[in-house]
Amino acid sequence: MQLDIEAFNSFLTEAVALWAPKVVGSLAVLLFGWIVAGRIRSIARRVLKASPIDDILIPFLAGVIHVLTVVVVVVTAMGVIGISTASFVAVLGAAGLAIALAFQGTFSNFAAGIMLLTFRPFDVGDYVEVGGSAGTVREVGIFSCLLNTPDNVEIRVPNDQIFGATIKNYSANDTRRIDLVMGVGYEDDLGTAARVCMDTISADPRVLADPAPLVAVSELGDSSVNLVVRPWVKKEDYWSCRFDLTRALKENIEAAGCSIPYPQRDVHMHQVSA
């Protein structure tokens, strides 16, 4: 029994002598690495705040940098102890692949959200048409965008349906063109109708002189001669001016003696003898 105790003490002494420096070194690496990771996260926050990156991305990106730094520290500490890091890295890679496949749609929305926040094709308050929906942008998030329709319906559109498709931003430019079509009868004087249309839009103070408004004959329709009326206005005056001009054009054209015909068809009756 005395011999066994001596052998155990000898084994324990050798094990402590062999592993103690490695364990102490590994703990030192972990402690130092944890402090460094915290400092790196703080530095990353300051750098990102000074960059044009959106504020909503800063906490996430700083957190990703911190996690990656901690992973590197843990792998380094395992290497100091003597544990093979190749298998550990392989396990991490396999786990990362499994997670990526499981959350493929989420990551797709997240990647599209980063691109939207980076390139800024639209901002909060813009009226846009995206992902088959149209409305005023209320929120640009990491995974989806929130829209409000003109009749106050809330729509949440996933980011991957936005960035990979056509984006129409009706608020991007300072001016917009109003496109109206006014039909007059074939027996009416086109010169009079065109002059009335131009006088009507020119009398509205919201209509811009540059670019110049346009009134022109565009089509010989089935029931009417169609005139296009195209004034330019500021984007905030678009709808109010469009509604007012539609009514004013109708009233002034009729007051000038021109008609706005209804759609009509000529039916010819042929009598066949018995």
C-alpha atoms as a PDB file:
ATOM      1  CA  MET A   1       0.000   0.000   0.000  1.00  0.00           C
ATOM      2  CA  GLN A   2       2.883   2.360   0.798  1.00  0.00           C
ATOM      3  CA  LEU A   3       4.253   1.774  -2.694  1.00  0.00           C
ATOM      4  CA  ASP A   4       0.915   2.684  -4.301  1.00  0.00           C
ATOM      5  CA  ILE A   5       0.720   5.956  -2.400  1.00  0.00           C
ATOM      6  CA  GLU A   6       4.210   6.867  -3.420  1.00  0.00           C
ATOM      7  CA  ALA A   7       3.416   6.060  -7.043  1.00  0.00           C
ATOM      8  CA  PHE A   8       0.248   8.138  -6.887  1.00  0.00           C
ATOM      9  CA  ASN A   9       2.095  11.070  -5.356  1.00  0.00           C
ATOM     10  CA  SER A  10       4.731  10.797  -8.045  1.00  0.00           C
ATOM     11  CA  PHE A  11       2.075  10.709 -10.792  1.00  0.00           C
ATOM     12  CA  LEU A  12       0.242  13.664  -9.270  1.00  0.00           C
ATOM     13  CA  THR A  13       3.433  15.674  -9.000  1.00  0.00           C
ATOM     14  CA  GLU A  14       4.303  15.011 -12.603  1.00  0.00           C
ATOM     15  CA  ALA A  15       0.774  15.855 -13.760  1.00  0.00           C
ATOM     16  CA  VAL A  16       0.766  19.112 -11.825  1.00  0.00           C
ATOM     17  CA  ALA A  17       4.193  20.006 -13.136  1.00  0.00           C
ATOM     18  CA  LEU A  18       3.066  19.236 -16.673  1.00  0.00           C
ATOM     19  CA  TRP A  19      -0.408  20.780 -16.710  1.00  0.00           C
ATOM     20  CA  ALA A  20      -0.222  23.611 -14.207  1.00  0.00           C
ATOM     21  CA  PRO A  21       1.757  25.972 -16.494  1.00  0.00           C
ATOM     22  CA  LYS A  22      -0.590  25.177 -19.386  1.00  0.00           C
ATOM     23  CA  VAL A  23      -3.733  25.758 -17.303  1.00  0.00           C
ATOM     24  CA  VAL A  24      -2.353  28.977 -15.846  1.00  0.00           C
ATOM     25  CA  GLY A  25      -1.312  30.125 -19.313  1.00  0.00           C
ATOM     26  CA  SER A  26      -4.733  29.255 -20.735  1.00  0.00           C
ATOM     27  CA  LEU A  27      -6.517  31.158 -17.944  1.00  0.00           C
ATOM     28  CA  ALA A  28      -4.221  34.100 -18.511  1.00  0.00           C
ATOM     29  CA  VAL A  29      -5.039  34.044 -22.226  1.00  0.00           C
ATOM     30  CA  LEU A  30      -8.767  33.897 -21.439  1.00  0.00           C
ATOM     31  CA  LEU A  31      -8.596  36.792 -18.980  1.00  0.00           C
ATOM     32  CA  PHE A  32      -6.422  38.939 -21.194  1.00  0.00           C
ATOM     33  CA  GLY A  33      -8.488  38.063 -24.268  1.00  0.00           C
ATOM     34  CA  TRP A  34     -11.758  38.917 -22.509  1.00  0.00           C
ATOM     35  CA  ILE A  35     -10.400  42.352 -21.603  1.00  0.00           C
ATOM     36  CA  VAL A  36      -9.092  42.885 -25.126  1.00  0.00           C
ATOM     37  CA  ALA A  37     -12.432  41.796 -26.628  1.00  0.00           C
ATOM     38  CA  GLY A  38     -14.252  44.377 -24.521  1.00  0.00           C
ATOM     39  CA  ARG A  39     -11.829  47.100 -25.602  1.00  0.00           C
ATOM     40  CA  ILE A  40     -12.200  46.074 -29.240  1.00  0.00           C
ATOM     41  CA  ARG A  41     -15.986  46.293 -28.948  1.00  0.00           C
ATOM     42  CA  SER A  42     -15.739  49.805 -27.490  1.00  0.00           C
ATOM     43  CA  ILE A  43     -13.361  50.891 -30.234  1.00  0.00           C
ATOM     44  CA  ALA A  44     -15.611  49.341 -32.867  1.00  0.00           C
ATOM     45  CA  ARG A  45     -18.601  51.280 -31.523  1.00  0.00           C
ATOM     46  CA  ARG A  46     -16.720  54.577 -31.743  1.00  0.00           C
ATOM     47  CA  VAL A  47     -15.442  53.857 -35.233  1.00  0.00           C
ATOM     48  CA  LEU A  48     -18.874  52.783 -36.478  1.00  0.00           C
ATOM     49  CA  LYS A  49     -20.549  55.856 -34.991  1.00  0.00           C
ATOM     50  CA  ALA A  50     -18.086  58.053 -36.878  1.00  0.00           C
ATOM     51  CA  SER A  51     -18.856  56.190 -40.132  1.00  0.00           C
ATOM     52  CA  PRO A  52     -21.948  56.674 -42.340  1.00  0.00           C
ATOM     53  CA  ILE A  53     -23.353  53.312 -41.176  1.00  0.00           C
ATOM     54  CA  ASP A  54     -26.901  53.504 -39.823  1.00  0.00           C
ATOM     55  CA  ASP A  55     -27.198  53.689 -36.031  1.00  0.00           C
ATOM     56  CA  ILE A  56     -29.447  50.617 -35.945  1.00  0.00           C
ATOM     57  CA  LEU A  57     -26.557  48.475 -37.228  1.00  0.00           C
ATOM     58  CA  ILE A  58     -23.905  49.700 -34.783  1.00  0.00           C
ATOM     59  CA  PRO A  59     -24.852  47.534 -31.737  1.00  0.00           C
ATOM     60  CA  PHE A  60     -25.205  44.435 -33.891  1.00  0.00           C
ATOM     61  CA  LEU A  61     -21.909  44.886 -35.748  1.00  0.00           C
ATOM     62  CA  ALA A  62     -20.052  45.690 -32.520  1.00  0.00           C
ATOM     63  CA  GLY A  63     -21.551  42.572 -30.944  1.00  0.00           C
ATOM     64  CA  VAL A  64     -20.467  40.415 -33.893  1.00  0.00           C
ATOM     65  CA  ILE A  65     -16.913  41.732 -33.620  1.00  0.00           C
ATOM     66  CA  HIS A  66     -16.922  41.002 -29.877  1.00  0.00           C
ATOM     67  CA  VAL A  67     -18.193  37.431 -30.352  1.00  0.00           C
ATOM     68  CA  LEU A  68     -15.624  36.699 -33.064  1.00  0.00           C
ATOM     69  CA  THR A  69     -12.854  38.031 -30.838  1.00  0.00           C
ATOM     70  CA  VAL A  70     -14.011  35.843 -27.932  1.00  0.00           C
ATOM     71  CA  VAL A  71     -14.096  32.782 -30.208  1.00  0.00           C
ATOM     72  CA  VAL A  72     -10.511  33.457 -31.291  1.00  0.00           C
ATOM     73  CA  VAL A  73      -9.469  33.839 -27.644  1.00  0.00           C
ATOM     74  CA  VAL A  74     -11.133  30.550 -26.641  1.00  0.00           C
ATOM     75  CA  VAL A  75      -9.499  28.672 -29.509  1.00  0.00           C
ATOM     76  CA  THR A  76      -6.124  30.157 -28.565  1.00  0.00           C
ATOM     77  CA  ALA A  77      -6.591  29.176 -24.923  1.00  0.00           C
ATOM     78  CA  MET A  78      -7.425  25.617 -25.936  1.00  0.00           C
ATOM     79  CA  GLY A  79      -4.278  25.515 -28.019  1.00  0.00           C
ATOM     80  CA  VAL A  80      -2.209  26.653 -25.007  1.00  0.00           C
ATOM     81  CA  ILE A  81      -3.551  23.729 -22.945  1.00  0.00           C
ATOM     82  CA  GLY A  82      -2.683  21.357 -25.753  1.00  0.00           C
ATOM     83  CA  ILE A  83      -6.142  20.511 -27.015  1.00  0.00           C
ATOM     84  CA  SER A  84      -6.277  20.092 -30.779  1.00  0.00           C
ATOM     85  CA  THR A  85      -8.135  23.054 -32.207  1.00  0.00           C
ATOM     86  CA  ALA A  86      -8.653  21.529 -35.643  1.00  0.00           C
ATOM     87  CA  SER A  87     -11.539  19.359 -34.492  1.00  0.00           C
ATOM     88  CA  PHE A  88     -13.025  22.232 -32.478  1.00  0.00           C
ATOM     89  CA  VAL A  89     -12.942  24.537 -35.502  1.00  0.00           C
ATOM     90  CA  ALA A  90     -14.517  21.785 -37.609  1.00  0.00           C
ATOM     91  CA  VAL A  91     -17.348  21.407 -35.080  1.00  0.00           C
ATOM     92  CA  LEU A  92     -17.901  25.171 -35.081  1.00  0.00           C
ATOM     93  CA  GLY A  93     -17.988  25.173 -38.867  1.00  0.00           C
ATOM     94  CA  ALA A  94     -20.512  22.340 -38.991  1.00  0.00           C
ATOM     95  CA  ALA A  95     -22.681  24.019 -36.365  1.00  0.00           C
ATOM     96  CA  GLY A  96     -22.508  27.308 -38.245  1.00  0.00           C
ATOM     97  CA  LEU A  97     -23.540  25.598 -41.476  1.00  0.00           C
ATOM     98  CA  ALA A  98     -26.481  23.875 -39.783  1.00  0.00           C
ATOM     99  CA  ILE A  99     -27.638  27.147 -38.247  1.00  0.00           C
ATOM    100  CA  ALA A 100     -27.270  28.950 -41.575  1.00  0.00           C
ATOM    101  CA  LEU A 101     -29.409  26.342 -43.344  1.00  0.00           C
ATOM    102  CA  ALA A 102     -32.047  26.415 -40.628  1.00  0.00           C
ATOM    103  CA  PHE A 103     -32.301  30.203 -40.668  1.00  0.00           C
ATOM    104  CA  GLN A 104     -31.730  30.728 -44.368  1.00  0.00           C
ATOM    105  CA  GLY A 105     -34.744  32.981 -44.809  1.00  0.00           C
ATOM    106  CA  THR A 106     -33.884  35.018 -41.729  1.00  0.00           C
ATOM    107  CA  PHE A 107     -30.301  35.521 -42.856  1.00  0.00           C
ATOM    108  CA  SER A 108     -31.532  36.502 -46.307  1.00  0.00           C
ATOM    109  CA  ASN A 109     -33.762  39.183 -44.789  1.00  0.00           C
ATOM    110  CA  PHE A 110     -30.913  40.298 -42.550  1.00  0.00           C
ATOM    111  CA  ALA A 111     -28.445  40.600 -45.451  1.00  0.00           C
ATOM    112  CA  ALA A 112     -31.025  42.550 -47.481  1.00  0.00           C
ATOM    113  CA  GLY A 113     -31.661  44.794 -44.454  1.00  0.00           C
ATOM    114  CA  ILE A 114     -27.955  45.617 -44.195  1.00  0.00           C
ATOM    115  CA  MET A 115     -27.883  46.515 -47.895  1.00  0.00           C
ATOM    116  CA  LEU A 116     -30.970  48.722 -47.529  1.00  0.00           C
ATOM    117  CA  LEU A 117     -29.501  50.532 -44.532  1.00  0.00           C
ATOM    118  CA  THR A 118     -26.160  50.920 -46.297  1.00  0.00           C
ATOM    119  CA  PHE A 119     -27.287  52.118 -49.745  1.00  0.00           C
ATOM    120  CA  ARG A 120     -30.484  53.883 -48.575  1.00  0.00           C
ATOM    121  CA  PRO A 121     -32.727  53.626 -51.666  1.00  0.00           C
ATOM    122  CA  PHE A 122     -35.438  55.224 -49.504  1.00  0.00           C
ATOM    123  CA  ASP A 123     -35.813  56.827 -46.075  1.00  0.00           C
ATOM    124  CA  VAL A 124     -38.488  57.040 -43.421  1.00  0.00           C
ATOM    125  CA  GLY A 125     -41.296  59.262 -44.680  1.00  0.00           C
ATOM    126  CA  ASP A 126     -40.846  58.425 -48.379  1.00  0.00           C
ATOM    127  CA  TYR A 127     -43.770  57.086 -50.389  1.00  0.00           C
ATOM    128  CA  VAL A 128     -42.547  53.936 -52.114  1.00  0.00           C
ATOM    129  CA  GLU A 129     -43.739  50.900 -54.038  1.00  0.00           C
ATOM    130  CA  VAL A 130     -41.818  47.790 -52.957  1.00  0.00           C
ATOM    131  CA  GLY A 131     -42.475  44.060 -52.848  1.00  0.00           C
ATOM    132  CA  GLY A 132     -45.880  44.456 -54.478  1.00  0.00           C
ATOM    133  CA  SER A 133     -47.044  46.984 -51.836  1.00  0.00           C
ATOM    134  CA  ALA A 134     -47.153  50.777 -51.781  1.00  0.00           C
ATOM    135  CA  GLY A 135     -47.171  53.152 -48.831  1.00  0.00           C
ATOM    136  CA  THR A 136     -45.261  55.624 -46.704  1.00  0.00           C
ATOM    137  CA  VAL A 137     -42.162  54.191 -45.019  1.00  0.00           C
ATOM    138  CA  ARG A 138     -42.486  54.215 -41.242  1.00  0.00           C
ATOM    139  CA  GLU A 139     -39.557  52.010 -40.285  1.00  0.00           C
ATOM    140  CA  VAL A 140     -36.538  50.457 -41.999  1.00  0.00           C
ATOM    141  CA  GLY A 141     -35.562  47.451 -39.885  1.00  0.00           C
ATOM    142  CA  ILE A 142     -32.969  44.721 -39.983  1.00  0.00           C
ATOM    143  CA  PHE A 143     -35.421  42.046 -41.140  1.00  0.00           C
ATOM    144  CA  SER A 144     -38.393  43.951 -42.597  1.00  0.00           C
ATOM    145  CA  CYS A 145     -39.739  47.391 -43.498  1.00  0.00           C
ATOM    146  CA  LEU A 146     -42.953  48.887 -42.178  1.00  0.00           C
ATOM    147  CA  LEU A 147     -45.258  50.790 -44.550  1.00  0.00           C
ATOM    148  CA  ASN A 148     -48.463  52.738 -44.023  1.00  0.00           C
ATOM    149  CA  THR A 149     -50.897  52.824 -46.936  1.00  0.00           C
ATOM    150  CA  PRO A 150     -52.833  56.031 -47.731  1.00  0.00           C
ATOM    151  CA  ASP A 151     -55.913  54.490 -46.056  1.00  0.00           C
ATOM    152  CA  ASN A 152     -53.817  53.835 -42.906  1.00  0.00           C
ATOM    153  CA  VAL A 153     -53.253  50.097 -43.288  1.00  0.00           C
ATOM    154  CA  GLU A 154     -49.985  48.842 -41.819  1.00  0.00           C
ATOM    155  CA  ILE A 155     -47.924  46.570 -44.090  1.00  0.00           C
ATOM    156  CA  ARG A 156     -44.710  44.797 -43.086  1.00  0.00           C
ATOM    157  CA  VAL A 157     -42.624  43.719 -46.085  1.00  0.00           C
ATOM    158  CA  PRO A 158     -39.664  41.288 -45.683  1.00  0.00           C
ATOM    159  CA  ASN A 159     -36.392  42.876 -46.752  1.00  0.00           C
ATOM    160  CA  ASP A 160     -35.465  40.113 -49.195  1.00  0.00           C
ATOM    161  CA  GLN A 161     -38.595  40.961 -51.208  1.00  0.00           C
ATOM    162  CA  ILE A 162     -37.480  44.586 -51.384  1.00  0.00           C
ATOM    163  CA  PHE A 163     -33.779  44.687 -52.171  1.00  0.00           C
ATOM    164  CA  GLY A 164     -33.885  42.003 -54.869  1.00  0.00           C
ATOM    165  CA  ALA A 165     -36.824  43.600 -56.707  1.00  0.00           C
ATOM    166  CA  THR A 166     -37.772  46.900 -58.322  1.00  0.00           C
ATOM    167  CA  ILE A 167     -38.034  49.842 -55.906  1.00  0.00           C
ATOM    168  CA  LYS A 168     -40.168  52.834 -56.883  1.00  0.00           C
ATOM    169  CA  ASN A 169     -39.513  55.866 -54.693  1.00  0.00           C
ATOM    170  CA  TYR A 170     -42.072  58.579 -55.416  1.00  0.00           C
ATOM    171  CA  SER A 171     -40.458  60.954 -52.895  1.00  0.00           C
ATOM    172  CA  ALA A 172     -36.865  60.729 -54.111  1.00  0.00           C
ATOM    173  CA  ASN A 173     -37.044  63.787 -56.409  1.00  0.00           C
ATOM    174  CA  ASP A 174     -38.209  67.273 -55.500  1.00  0.00           C
ATOM    175  CA  THR A 175     -40.641  67.544 -58.419  1.00  0.00           C
ATOM    176  CA  ARG A 176     -43.193  65.240 -60.071  1.00  0.00           C
ATOM    177  CA  ARG A 177     -45.190  65.383 -63.280  1.00  0.00           C
ATOM    178  CA  ILE A 178     -48.971  65.104 -63.232  1.00  0.00           C
ATOM    179  CA  ASP A 179     -50.288  63.088 -66.177  1.00  0.00           C
ATOM    180  CA  LEU A 180     -53.923  63.821 -67.068  1.00  0.00           C
ATOM    181  CA  VAL A 181     -55.928  62.859 -70.164  1.00  0.00           C
ATOM    182  CA  MET A 182     -58.839  65.055 -71.230  1.00  0.00           C
ATOM    183  CA  GLY A 183     -61.146  63.933 -74.052  1.00  0.00           C
ATOM    184  CA  VAL A 184     -63.129  66.328 -76.235  1.00  0.00           C
ATOM    185  CA  GLY A 185     -65.585  65.662 -79.031  1.00  0.00           C
ATOM    186  CA  TYR A 186     -64.546  65.310 -82.663  1.00  0.00           C
ATOM    187  CA  GLU A 187     -66.695  68.298 -83.572  1.00  0.00           C
ATOM    188  CA  ASP A 188     -65.012  70.589 -81.009  1.00  0.00           C
ATOM    189  CA  ASP A 189     -62.261  73.111 -81.791  1.00  0.00           C
ATOM    190  CA  LEU A 190     -58.984  71.495 -80.684  1.00  0.00           C
ATOM    191  CA  GLY A 191     -57.236  74.860 -80.516  1.00  0.00           C
ATOM    192  CA  THR A 192     -59.799  76.162 -78.058  1.00  0.00           C
ATOM    193  CA  ALA A 193     -59.623  73.007 -75.948  1.00  0.00           C
ATOM    194  CA  ALA A 194     -55.822  73.074 -75.822  1.00  0.00           C
ATOM    195  CA  ARG A 195     -55.762  76.788 -74.937  1.00  0.00           C
ATOM    196  CA  VAL A 196     -58.280  76.298 -72.123  1.00  0.00           C
ATOM    197  CA  CYS A 197     -56.208  73.436 -70.712  1.00  0.00           C
ATOM    198  CA  MET A 198     -52.995  75.473 -70.811  1.00  0.00           C
ATOM    199  CA  ASP A 199     -54.665  78.528 -69.242  1.00  0.00           C
ATOM    200  CA  THR A 200     -56.144  76.359 -66.492  1.00  0.00           C
ATOM    201  CA  ILE A 201     -52.879  74.758 -65.428  1.00  0.00           C
ATOM    202  CA  SER A 202     -50.919  78.004 -65.808  1.00  0.00           C
ATOM    203  CA  ALA A 203     -53.347  79.768 -63.467  1.00  0.00           C
ATOM    204  CA  ASP A 204     -52.566  77.348 -60.637  1.00  0.00           C
ATOM    205  CA  PRO A 205     -49.684  78.767 -58.536  1.00  0.00           C
ATOM    206  CA  ARG A 206     -48.509  75.263 -57.642  1.00  0.00           C
ATOM    207  CA  VAL A 207     -47.657  74.457 -61.260  1.00  0.00           C
ATOM    208  CA  LEU A 208     -43.970  75.042 -61.991  1.00  0.00           C
ATOM    209  CA  ALA A 209     -42.728  77.104 -64.940  1.00  0.00           C
ATOM    210  CA  ASP A 210     -39.633  74.924 -65.266  1.00  0.00           C
ATOM    211  CA  PRO A 211     -40.012  72.252 -66.533  1.00  0.00           C
ATOM    212  CA  ALA A 212     -42.647  73.801 -68.763  1.00  0.00           C
ATOM    213  CA  PRO A 213     -46.126  72.223 -68.761  1.00  0.00           C
ATOM    214  CA  LEU A 214     -47.322  70.392 -71.854  1.00  0.00           C
ATOM    215  CA  VAL A 215     -50.702  70.155 -73.569  1.00  0.00           C
ATOM    216  CA  ALA A 216     -50.828  68.079 -76.754  1.00  0.00           C
ATOM    217  CA  VAL A 217     -53.125  65.875 -78.816  1.00  0.00           C
ATOM    218  CA  SER A 218     -52.139  62.300 -78.007  1.00  0.00           C
ATOM    219  CA  GLU A 219     -54.787  60.015 -79.454  1.00  0.00           C
ATOM    220  CA  LEU A 220     -57.781  59.837 -81.752  1.00  0.00           C
ATOM    221  CA  GLY A 221     -59.929  57.620 -79.585  1.00  0.00           C
ATOM    222  CA  ASP A 222     -63.104  55.710 -80.360  1.00  0.00           C
ATOM    223  CA  SER A 223     -65.339  58.401 -78.871  1.00  0.00           C
ATOM    224  CA  SER A 224     -63.098  61.424 -78.296  1.00  0.00           C
ATOM    225  CA  VAL A 225     -59.920  63.255 -79.222  1.00  0.00           C
ATOM    226  CA  ASN A 226     -57.660  62.836 -76.225  1.00  0.00           C
ATOM    227  CA  LEU A 227     -55.390  65.611 -74.978  1.00  0.00           C
ATOM    228  CA  VAL A 228     -52.537  64.942 -72.574  1.00  0.00           C
ATOM    229  CA  VAL A 229     -52.122  67.591 -69.872  1.00  0.00           C
ATOM    230  CA  ARG A 230     -48.736  67.348 -68.110  1.00  0.00           C
ATOM    231  CA  PRO A 231     -47.847  70.030 -65.561  1.00  0.00           C
ATOM    232  CA  TRP A 232     -44.907  69.756 -63.117  1.00  0.00           C
ATOM    233  CA  VAL A 233     -45.346  70.405 -59.398  1.00  0.00           C
ATOM    234  CA  LYS A 234     -43.438  69.967 -56.162  1.00  0.00           C
ATOM    235  CA  LYS A 235     -43.754  66.461 -54.770  1.00  0.00           C
ATOM    236  CA  GLU A 236     -45.704  67.629 -51.712  1.00  0.00           C
ATOM    237  CA  ASP A 237     -48.307  69.324 -53.984  1.00  0.00           C
ATOM    238  CA  TYR A 238     -48.823  66.346 -56.287  1.00  0.00           C
ATOM    239  CA  TRP A 239     -52.121  64.909 -55.082  1.00  0.00           C
ATOM    240  CA  SER A 240     -53.838  68.144 -54.074  1.00  0.00           C
ATOM    241  CA  CYS A 241     -52.933  69.789 -57.379  1.00  0.00           C
ATOM    242  CA  ARG A 242     -53.957  66.708 -59.363  1.00  0.00           C
ATOM    243  CA  PHE A 243     -57.407  66.628 -57.761  1.00  0.00           C
ATOM    244  CA  ASP A 244     -57.968  70.371 -58.192  1.00  0.00           C
ATOM    245  CA  LEU A 245     -56.811  70.433 -61.814  1.00  0.00           C
ATOM    246  CA  THR A 246     -59.010  67.486 -62.766  1.00  0.00           C
ATOM    247  CA  ARG A 247     -62.087  69.363 -61.619  1.00  0.00           C
ATOM    248  CA  ALA A 248     -60.995  72.743 -63.007  1.00  0.00           C
ATOM    249  CA  LEU A 249     -60.167  71.302 -66.426  1.00  0.00           C
ATOM    250  CA  LYS A 250     -63.557  69.625 -66.704  1.00  0.00           C
ATOM    251  CA  GLU A 251     -65.445  72.774 -65.728  1.00  0.00           C
ATOM    252  CA  ASN A 252     -63.406  75.150 -67.911  1.00  0.00           C
ATOM    253  CA  ILE A 253     -63.535  72.916 -71.001  1.00  0.00           C
ATOM    254  CA  GLU A 254     -67.325  72.742 -70.761  1.00  0.00           C
ATOM    255  CA  ALA A 255     -67.548  76.492 -70.093  1.00  0.00           C
ATOM    256  CA  ALA A 256     -65.606  77.130 -73.315  1.00  0.00           C
ATOM    257  CA  GLY A 257     -68.244  75.243 -75.293  1.00  0.00           C
ATOM    258  CA  CYS A 258     -66.356  71.997 -75.740  1.00  0.00           C
ATOM    259  CA  SER A 259     -67.844  68.658 -74.818  1.00  0.00           C
ATOM    260  CA  ILE A 260     -66.445  65.707 -72.938  1.00  0.00           C
ATOM    261  CA  PRO A 261     -68.205  62.820 -74.703  1.00  0.00           C
ATOM    262  CA  TYR A 262     -69.200  59.558 -73.133  1.00  0.00           C
ATOM    263  CA  PRO A 263     -67.946  56.338 -74.691  1.00  0.00           C
ATOM    264  CA  GLN A 264     -70.344  55.505 -77.513  1.00  0.00           C
ATOM    265  CA  ARG A 265     -70.842  53.090 -80.383  1.00  0.00           C
ATOM    266  CA  ASP A 266     -72.721  53.456 -83.647  1.00  0.00           C
ATOM    267  CA  VAL A 267     -75.119  50.597 -84.365  1.00  0.00           C
ATOM    268  CA  HIS A 268     -76.313  50.216 -87.951  1.00  0.00           C
ATOM    269  CA  MET A 269     -79.519  48.241 -88.601  1.00  0.00           C
ATOM    270  CA  HIS A 270     -79.868  46.496 -91.973  1.00  0.00           C
ATOM    271  CA  GLN A 271     -83.302  45.209 -92.906  1.00  0.00           C
ATOM    272  CA  VAL A 272     -83.195  41.980 -94.821  1.00  0.00           C
ATOM    273  CA  SER A 273     -86.108  41.269 -97.143  1.00  0.00           C
ATOM    274  CA  ALA A 274     -88.105  38.114 -96.551  1.00  0.00           C
END
